[in-house]
């Protein structure tokens, strides 16, 4: 993995993980995966974008998230996340019902220097073909509509590279 992509993956980990101020209410990220490939479709509220990175993370209570860093020349912090609970594996397919979209941008308020996401209640579904256990994901397709009728769509195809997976072990805060 090139240095650029390693830095993007690290940035996503920090953007996915709760800040120190959130630790009382937000569960910690426990698993993170970076998936190499390309987005053939990425639509955010009716606007089309290219993507710079696609990742998956899960927190300690089981909420799963597909996070996409947008290639937006006007906003280097433009990130969307399809988020849901109760995902299920069916052979080599993983389905995640979406109940919210997390939207981050340069215009969002910041906490500990990181943008706080706008949470949009949504309905939809993500389907991943392949498995993190085998290290191979072939595609991810997500569709969601928020309560205001805005649509979000992702069609992602892997380049065949193995999935990069990290287990995240939260540590106790050292600052008192």
C-alpha atoms as a PDB file:
ATOM      1  CA  UNK A   1       0.000   0.000   0.000  1.00  0.00           C
ATOM      2  CA  UNK A   2       1.414   3.386  -0.917  1.00  0.00           C
ATOM      3  CA  UNK A   3       2.164   5.970   1.754  1.00  0.00           C
ATOM      4  CA  UNK A   4      -0.728   8.103   0.496  1.00  0.00           C
ATOM      5  CA  UNK A   5      -3.258   5.287   0.990  1.00  0.00           C
ATOM      6  CA  UNK A   6      -1.796   4.400   4.374  1.00  0.00           C
ATOM      7  CA  UNK A   7      -2.330   8.002   5.458  1.00  0.00           C
ATOM      8  CA  UNK A   8      -5.898   7.960   4.124  1.00  0.00           C
ATOM      9  CA  UNK A   9      -6.578   4.706   6.021  1.00  0.00           C
ATOM     10  CA  UNK A  10      -5.168   6.179   9.234  1.00  0.00           C
ATOM     11  CA  UNK A  11      -7.260   9.324   8.766  1.00  0.00           C
ATOM     12  CA  UNK A  12     -10.404   7.221   8.333  1.00  0.00           C
ATOM     13  CA  UNK A  13      -9.602   5.328  11.535  1.00  0.00           C
ATOM     14  CA  UNK A  14      -9.385   8.588  13.447  1.00  0.00           C
ATOM     15  CA  UNK A  15     -12.494   9.967  11.770  1.00  0.00           C
ATOM     16  CA  UNK A  16     -14.335   6.735  12.563  1.00  0.00           C
ATOM     17  CA  UNK A  17     -13.207   6.536  16.168  1.00  0.00           C
ATOM     18  CA  UNK A  18     -15.014   8.605  18.770  1.00  0.00           C
ATOM     19  CA  UNK A  19     -13.185  11.546  20.273  1.00  0.00           C
ATOM     20  CA  UNK A  20     -12.330  11.663  23.963  1.00  0.00           C
ATOM     21  CA  UNK A  21     -15.352  13.886  24.537  1.00  0.00           C
ATOM     22  CA  UNK A  22     -17.646  11.243  23.013  1.00  0.00           C
ATOM     23  CA  UNK A  23     -16.348   8.193  24.845  1.00  0.00           C
ATOM     24  CA  UNK A  24     -19.140   8.245  27.411  1.00  0.00           C
ATOM     25  CA  UNK A  25     -21.873   7.988  24.769  1.00  0.00           C
ATOM     26  CA  UNK A  26     -20.273   6.503  21.649  1.00  0.00           C
ATOM     27  CA  UNK A  27     -18.904   2.944  21.579  1.00  0.00           C
ATOM     28  CA  UNK A  28     -15.318   2.481  20.436  1.00  0.00           C
ATOM     29  CA  UNK A  29     -14.316   1.202  17.015  1.00  0.00           C
ATOM     30  CA  UNK A  30     -13.057  -2.381  17.286  1.00  0.00           C
ATOM     31  CA  UNK A  31     -12.489  -3.439  13.660  1.00  0.00           C
ATOM     32  CA  UNK A  32     -11.427  -1.470  10.605  1.00  0.00           C
ATOM     33  CA  UNK A  33     -10.912  -2.631   7.015  1.00  0.00           C
ATOM     34  CA  UNK A  34      -9.589  -0.737   4.006  1.00  0.00           C
ATOM     35  CA  UNK A  35     -10.805  -2.057   0.666  1.00  0.00           C
ATOM     36  CA  UNK A  36      -8.946  -1.258  -2.582  1.00  0.00           C
ATOM     37  CA  UNK A  37     -10.852  -0.620  -5.771  1.00  0.00           C
ATOM     38  CA  UNK A  38     -12.981   1.990  -7.455  1.00  0.00           C
ATOM     39  CA  UNK A  39     -16.431   3.478  -7.177  1.00  0.00           C
ATOM     40  CA  UNK A  40     -18.328   3.209 -10.439  1.00  0.00           C
ATOM     41  CA  UNK A  41     -21.193   5.163  -8.829  1.00  0.00           C
ATOM     42  CA  UNK A  42     -21.114   7.467  -5.835  1.00  0.00           C
ATOM     43  CA  UNK A  43     -24.117   9.743  -5.442  1.00  0.00           C
ATOM     44  CA  UNK A  44     -24.656  11.977  -2.425  1.00  0.00           C
ATOM     45  CA  UNK A  45     -27.985  13.808  -2.261  1.00  0.00           C
ATOM     46  CA  UNK A  46     -28.283  13.919  -6.053  1.00  0.00           C
ATOM     47  CA  UNK A  47     -24.637  14.909  -6.753  1.00  0.00           C
ATOM     48  CA  UNK A  48     -22.141  12.476  -8.281  1.00  0.00           C
ATOM     49  CA  UNK A  49     -18.577  12.161  -6.996  1.00  0.00           C
ATOM     50  CA  UNK A  50     -15.522   9.973  -7.412  1.00  0.00           C
ATOM     51  CA  UNK A  51     -14.175   8.296  -4.293  1.00  0.00           C
ATOM     52  CA  UNK A  52     -10.692   8.356  -2.792  1.00  0.00           C
ATOM     53  CA  UNK A  53     -11.079   5.536  -0.274  1.00  0.00           C
ATOM     54  CA  UNK A  54     -13.623   2.984   0.938  1.00  0.00           C
ATOM     55  CA  UNK A  55     -13.520   1.423   4.382  1.00  0.00           C
ATOM     56  CA  UNK A  56     -15.604  -0.636   6.762  1.00  0.00           C
ATOM     57  CA  UNK A  57     -15.601  -0.312  10.522  1.00  0.00           C
ATOM     58  CA  UNK A  58     -17.574  -1.831  13.349  1.00  0.00           C
ATOM     59  CA  UNK A  59     -17.954  -0.655  16.920  1.00  0.00           C
ATOM     60  CA  UNK A  60     -18.009  -2.656  20.126  1.00  0.00           C
ATOM     61  CA  UNK A  61     -21.822  -2.890  20.228  1.00  0.00           C
ATOM     62  CA  UNK A  62     -22.032  -4.179  16.651  1.00  0.00           C
ATOM     63  CA  UNK A  63     -22.960  -1.073  14.625  1.00  0.00           C
ATOM     64  CA  UNK A  64     -21.390  -1.463  11.192  1.00  0.00           C
ATOM     65  CA  UNK A  65     -20.393   1.326   8.822  1.00  0.00           C
ATOM     66  CA  UNK A  66     -19.291   1.609   5.204  1.00  0.00           C
ATOM     67  CA  UNK A  67     -17.337   4.876   4.969  1.00  0.00           C
ATOM     68  CA  UNK A  68     -16.412   6.620   1.735  1.00  0.00           C
ATOM     69  CA  UNK A  69     -13.937   9.485   1.398  1.00  0.00           C
ATOM     70  CA  UNK A  70     -15.175  11.588  -1.504  1.00  0.00           C
ATOM     71  CA  UNK A  71     -12.882  13.020  -4.139  1.00  0.00           C
ATOM     72  CA  UNK A  72     -14.354  16.510  -3.784  1.00  0.00           C
ATOM     73  CA  UNK A  73     -12.033  19.282  -5.037  1.00  0.00           C
ATOM     74  CA  UNK A  74     -13.943  21.850  -2.936  1.00  0.00           C
ATOM     75  CA  UNK A  75     -13.847  19.877   0.333  1.00  0.00           C
ATOM     76  CA  UNK A  76     -10.957  17.627   1.422  1.00  0.00           C
ATOM     77  CA  UNK A  77     -12.976  16.508   4.487  1.00  0.00           C
ATOM     78  CA  UNK A  78     -16.068  15.310   2.598  1.00  0.00           C
ATOM     79  CA  UNK A  79     -16.918  11.855   3.947  1.00  0.00           C
ATOM     80  CA  UNK A  80     -20.154   9.852   3.989  1.00  0.00           C
ATOM     81  CA  UNK A  81     -20.981   6.753   5.987  1.00  0.00           C
ATOM     82  CA  UNK A  82     -23.764   4.227   5.446  1.00  0.00           C
ATOM     83  CA  UNK A  83     -24.482   3.031   9.006  1.00  0.00           C
ATOM     84  CA  UNK A  84     -26.653   0.279  10.421  1.00  0.00           C
ATOM     85  CA  UNK A  85     -27.236  -2.474  12.954  1.00  0.00           C
ATOM     86  CA  UNK A  86     -28.113  -6.129  12.652  1.00  0.00           C
ATOM     87  CA  UNK A  87     -26.080  -6.970   9.578  1.00  0.00           C
ATOM     88  CA  UNK A  88     -26.209 -10.606   8.560  1.00  0.00           C
ATOM     89  CA  UNK A  89     -23.940 -12.939   6.650  1.00  0.00           C
ATOM     90  CA  UNK A  90     -25.430 -15.269   4.060  1.00  0.00           C
ATOM     91  CA  UNK A  91     -22.635 -17.487   2.699  1.00  0.00           C
ATOM     92  CA  UNK A  92     -20.327 -15.087   0.843  1.00  0.00           C
ATOM     93  CA  UNK A  93     -22.714 -12.115   1.111  1.00  0.00           C
ATOM     94  CA  UNK A  94     -23.130  -9.588   3.935  1.00  0.00           C
ATOM     95  CA  UNK A  95     -26.290  -7.483   4.136  1.00  0.00           C
ATOM     96  CA  UNK A  96     -26.500  -4.396   6.329  1.00  0.00           C
ATOM     97  CA  UNK A  97     -29.829  -2.580   6.805  1.00  0.00           C
ATOM     98  CA  UNK A  98     -29.090   1.162   6.830  1.00  0.00           C
ATOM     99  CA  UNK A  99     -30.837   3.370   9.374  1.00  0.00           C
ATOM    100  CA  UNK A 100     -28.674   6.480   9.196  1.00  0.00           C
ATOM    101  CA  UNK A 101     -26.241   8.364   7.023  1.00  0.00           C
ATOM    102  CA  UNK A 102     -23.313  10.187   8.634  1.00  0.00           C
ATOM    103  CA  UNK A 103     -22.218  13.241   6.657  1.00  0.00           C
ATOM    104  CA  UNK A 104     -18.923  14.997   7.351  1.00  0.00           C
ATOM    105  CA  UNK A 105     -17.581  18.064   5.592  1.00  0.00           C
ATOM    106  CA  UNK A 106     -15.326  21.049   6.141  1.00  0.00           C
ATOM    107  CA  UNK A 107     -18.385  23.087   7.157  1.00  0.00           C
ATOM    108  CA  UNK A 108     -19.379  20.821  10.065  1.00  0.00           C
ATOM    109  CA  UNK A 109     -18.593  21.843  13.643  1.00  0.00           C
ATOM    110  CA  UNK A 110     -15.429  20.274  15.014  1.00  0.00           C
ATOM    111  CA  UNK A 111     -14.706  18.377  18.210  1.00  0.00           C
ATOM    112  CA  UNK A 112     -11.074  17.729  19.073  1.00  0.00           C
ATOM    113  CA  UNK A 113     -10.205  19.115  15.622  1.00  0.00           C
ATOM    114  CA  UNK A 114     -12.349  16.582  13.710  1.00  0.00           C
ATOM    115  CA  UNK A 115     -15.673  17.262  11.982  1.00  0.00           C
ATOM    116  CA  UNK A 116     -18.728  16.050  13.876  1.00  0.00           C
ATOM    117  CA  UNK A 117     -21.031  14.218  11.463  1.00  0.00           C
ATOM    118  CA  UNK A 118     -24.508  15.355  10.569  1.00  0.00           C
ATOM    119  CA  UNK A 119     -26.663  12.298  11.292  1.00  0.00           C
ATOM    120  CA  UNK A 120     -29.510  11.810   8.797  1.00  0.00           C
ATOM    121  CA  UNK A 121     -32.122   9.198   9.679  1.00  0.00           C
ATOM    122  CA  UNK A 122     -32.363   7.026   6.576  1.00  0.00           C
ATOM    123  CA  UNK A 123     -33.595   3.729   5.224  1.00  0.00           C
ATOM    124  CA  UNK A 124     -31.718   1.488   2.855  1.00  0.00           C
ATOM    125  CA  UNK A 125     -29.416  -1.482   2.453  1.00  0.00           C
ATOM    126  CA  UNK A 126     -25.777  -2.280   1.772  1.00  0.00           C
ATOM    127  CA  UNK A 127     -24.729  -5.602   0.270  1.00  0.00           C
ATOM    128  CA  UNK A 128     -21.118  -6.751   0.279  1.00  0.00           C
ATOM    129  CA  UNK A 129     -19.970  -9.693  -1.831  1.00  0.00           C
ATOM    130  CA  UNK A 130     -16.966 -11.483  -0.351  1.00  0.00           C
ATOM    131  CA  UNK A 131     -15.762 -11.749   3.207  1.00  0.00           C
ATOM    132  CA  UNK A 132     -13.318 -10.089   5.551  1.00  0.00           C
ATOM    133  CA  UNK A 133     -12.405 -13.538   6.905  1.00  0.00           C
ATOM    134  CA  UNK A 134     -11.137 -14.631   3.481  1.00  0.00           C
ATOM    135  CA  UNK A 135      -9.571 -11.210   2.909  1.00  0.00           C
ATOM    136  CA  UNK A 136     -11.375 -10.805  -0.409  1.00  0.00           C
ATOM    137  CA  UNK A 137     -14.264  -8.430  -1.146  1.00  0.00           C
ATOM    138  CA  UNK A 138     -15.454  -8.254  -4.750  1.00  0.00           C
ATOM    139  CA  UNK A 139     -18.078  -5.500  -4.487  1.00  0.00           C
ATOM    140  CA  UNK A 140     -20.164  -3.305  -2.215  1.00  0.00           C
ATOM    141  CA  UNK A 141     -23.517  -1.804  -3.216  1.00  0.00           C
ATOM    142  CA  UNK A 142     -25.377   0.624  -0.954  1.00  0.00           C
ATOM    143  CA  UNK A 143     -28.598   2.559  -1.448  1.00  0.00           C
ATOM    144  CA  UNK A 144     -30.285   4.791   1.115  1.00  0.00           C
ATOM    145  CA  UNK A 145     -32.844   7.581   1.252  1.00  0.00           C
ATOM    146  CA  UNK A 146     -32.952  10.051   4.125  1.00  0.00           C
ATOM    147  CA  UNK A 147     -36.113  11.406   5.735  1.00  0.00           C
ATOM    148  CA  UNK A 148     -35.991  14.439   3.410  1.00  0.00           C
ATOM    149  CA  UNK A 149     -36.046  12.231   0.304  1.00  0.00           C
ATOM    150  CA  UNK A 150     -32.345  12.707  -0.606  1.00  0.00           C
ATOM    151  CA  UNK A 151     -30.723   9.636  -2.159  1.00  0.00           C
ATOM    152  CA  UNK A 152     -27.319   8.121  -1.488  1.00  0.00           C
ATOM    153  CA  UNK A 153     -25.827   5.407  -3.675  1.00  0.00           C
ATOM    154  CA  UNK A 154     -22.553   3.514  -3.806  1.00  0.00           C
ATOM    155  CA  UNK A 155     -21.404   0.935  -6.371  1.00  0.00           C
ATOM    156  CA  UNK A 156     -17.885  -0.190  -5.512  1.00  0.00           C
ATOM    157  CA  UNK A 157     -15.781  -2.842  -7.254  1.00  0.00           C
ATOM    158  CA  UNK A 158     -12.626  -4.267  -5.700  1.00  0.00           C
ATOM    159  CA  UNK A 159      -9.367  -4.307  -7.652  1.00  0.00           C
ATOM    160  CA  UNK A 160      -8.714  -7.819  -6.305  1.00  0.00           C
ATOM    161  CA  UNK A 161      -6.177  -6.751  -3.681  1.00  0.00           C
ATOM    162  CA  UNK A 162      -6.526  -8.390  -0.280  1.00  0.00           C
ATOM    163  CA  UNK A 163      -8.516  -6.422   2.282  1.00  0.00           C
ATOM    164  CA  UNK A 164      -6.356  -4.634   4.852  1.00  0.00           C
ATOM    165  CA  UNK A 165      -7.856  -5.404   8.268  1.00  0.00           C
ATOM    166  CA  UNK A 166      -7.013  -3.915  11.661  1.00  0.00           C
ATOM    167  CA  UNK A 167      -8.342  -4.794  15.087  1.00  0.00           C
ATOM    168  CA  UNK A 168      -8.543  -1.660  17.207  1.00  0.00           C
ATOM    169  CA  UNK A 169      -8.070  -2.040  20.931  1.00  0.00           C
ATOM    170  CA  UNK A 170      -9.143   1.101  22.737  1.00  0.00           C
ATOM    171  CA  UNK A 171      -6.929   2.076  25.636  1.00  0.00           C
ATOM    172  CA  UNK A 172      -7.822   3.985  28.753  1.00  0.00           C
ATOM    173  CA  UNK A 173      -7.339   7.759  28.475  1.00  0.00           C
ATOM    174  CA  UNK A 174      -4.010   8.942  29.856  1.00  0.00           C
ATOM    175  CA  UNK A 175      -5.135  12.535  30.413  1.00  0.00           C
ATOM    176  CA  UNK A 176      -7.037  13.174  33.629  1.00  0.00           C
END
